[in-house]
Amino acid sequence: SLLDAVQEHSPMVGRFWLVVMLLFRILVLATVGSDVFEDEQEEFVCNTQQPGCKPVCYDAAFPISHYRFLVFHVVVLSAPAALFVIFAVHQAAKPGRG
């Protein structure tokens, strides 16, 4: 009944588009993301020799990690679908609706 409730309110094109976009982004993250962004700070050189300078300078130069941004993007993309499934479960659990 849960899948029937979800399918009742979402068009076929929307479901297909969401699945394609999620699979594409997860595939890119799983295959390329970790290798490309594995050691972001490895070749970064700081202009002073103070302890802790390298991470602070790197964070100032690049305030957001590209890999974490892509993971955040996947989470934000999948959040509406997850919220809709939660809503459908809530509607199906109401008395008189089965």
Protein backbone atom coordinates (compact mmCIF):
# COMPACT_ATOMS: atom_id res chain seq x y z
CA SER A 1 0.00 0.00 0.00
CA LEU A 2 2.96 2.32 0.59
CA LEU A 3 4.21 2.01 -2.97
CA ASP A 4 0.67 2.51 -4.28
CA ALA A 5 0.39 5.73 -2.27
CA VAL A 6 3.73 6.99 -3.58
CA GLN A 7 2.94 6.07 -7.18
CA GLU A 8 -0.47 7.68 -6.96
CA HIS A 9 1.04 11.13 -6.38
CA SER A 10 4.19 11.07 -8.52
CA PRO A 11 4.31 10.96 -12.31
CA MET A 12 6.36 8.35 -14.17
CA VAL A 13 8.71 10.97 -15.65
CA GLY A 14 9.46 12.39 -12.18
CA ARG A 15 10.24 8.98 -10.71
CA PHE A 16 12.46 8.07 -13.66
CA TRP A 17 14.29 11.42 -13.55
CA LEU A 18 14.97 11.14 -9.82
CA VAL A 19 16.33 7.60 -10.12
CA VAL A 20 18.57 8.52 -13.07
CA MET A 21 19.97 11.60 -11.35
CA LEU A 22 20.62 9.77 -8.07
CA LEU A 23 22.28 6.81 -9.78
CA PHE A 24 24.44 9.09 -11.95
CA ARG A 25 25.66 11.17 -9.02
CA ILE A 26 26.29 8.16 -6.79
CA LEU A 27 28.12 6.43 -9.64
CA VAL A 28 30.36 9.46 -10.17
CA LEU A 29 31.08 9.74 -6.45
CA ALA A 30 31.80 6.04 -6.05
CA THR A 31 34.04 5.65 -9.09
CA VAL A 32 35.90 8.93 -9.47
CA GLY A 33 35.23 11.11 -6.45
CA SER A 34 37.33 9.41 -3.83
CA ASP A 35 40.33 8.99 -6.16
CA VAL A 36 40.27 12.56 -7.43
CA PHE A 37 39.74 14.28 -4.08
CA GLU A 38 41.51 11.76 -1.81
CA ASP A 39 44.47 13.88 -0.73
CA GLU A 40 43.38 17.44 -1.28
CA GLN A 41 45.97 18.92 1.08
CA GLU A 42 48.92 16.74 0.10
CA GLU A 43 50.56 19.12 -2.39
CA PHE A 44 49.40 22.32 -0.72
CA VAL A 45 52.34 24.43 0.54
CA CYS A 46 52.02 26.96 3.33
CA ASN A 47 54.20 30.08 3.38
CA THR A 48 55.07 29.76 7.08
CA GLN A 49 56.31 26.87 9.20
CA GLN A 50 53.95 27.36 12.14
CA PRO A 51 52.17 24.27 13.46
CA GLY A 52 48.64 24.04 12.07
CA CYS A 53 49.32 26.53 9.31
CA LYS A 54 48.73 24.08 6.48
CA PRO A 55 45.09 23.20 7.36
CA VAL A 56 44.22 26.81 8.18
CA CYS A 57 45.73 28.16 4.96
CA TYR A 58 44.07 25.41 2.94
CA ASP A 59 40.67 26.14 4.50
CA ALA A 60 41.11 29.83 3.76
CA ALA A 61 42.02 29.13 0.13
CA PHE A 62 39.36 26.45 -0.43
CA PRO A 63 36.50 26.89 2.05
CA ILE A 64 34.57 23.79 0.92
CA SER A 65 35.77 20.34 -0.03
CA HIS A 66 34.59 19.37 -3.51
CA TYR A 67 33.98 15.77 -2.48
CA ARG A 68 31.91 16.80 0.53
CA PHE A 69 29.98 19.22 -1.66
CA LEU A 70 29.11 16.41 -4.10
CA VAL A 71 28.01 14.17 -1.22
CA PHE A 72 25.91 17.03 0.13
CA HIS A 73 24.38 17.43 -3.33
CA VAL A 74 23.32 13.76 -3.39
CA VAL A 75 21.77 14.11 0.06
CA VAL A 76 19.88 17.26 -0.93
CA LEU A 77 18.69 15.60 -4.14
CA SER A 78 17.38 12.54 -2.32
CA ALA A 79 15.81 14.42 0.60
CA PRO A 80 12.53 15.39 -1.15
CA ALA A 81 11.90 11.79 -2.19
CA ALA A 82 12.57 10.54 1.33
CA LEU A 83 10.29 13.20 2.81
CA PHE A 84 7.56 12.27 0.35
CA VAL A 85 7.79 8.59 1.32
CA ILE A 86 7.54 9.60 4.98
CA PHE A 87 4.48 11.69 4.14
CA ALA A 88 2.89 8.79 2.25
CA VAL A 89 3.51 6.46 5.21
CA HIS A 90 1.91 9.03 7.52
CA GLN A 91 -1.13 9.40 5.25
CA ALA A 92 -1.51 5.64 4.93
CA ALA A 93 -1.33 5.21 8.72
CA LYS A 94 -4.23 7.59 9.39
CA PRO A 95 -7.42 5.90 10.58
CA GLY A 96 -9.90 5.21 7.82
CA ARG A 97 -7.30 5.20 5.03
CA GLY A 98 -6.19 1.61 5.28
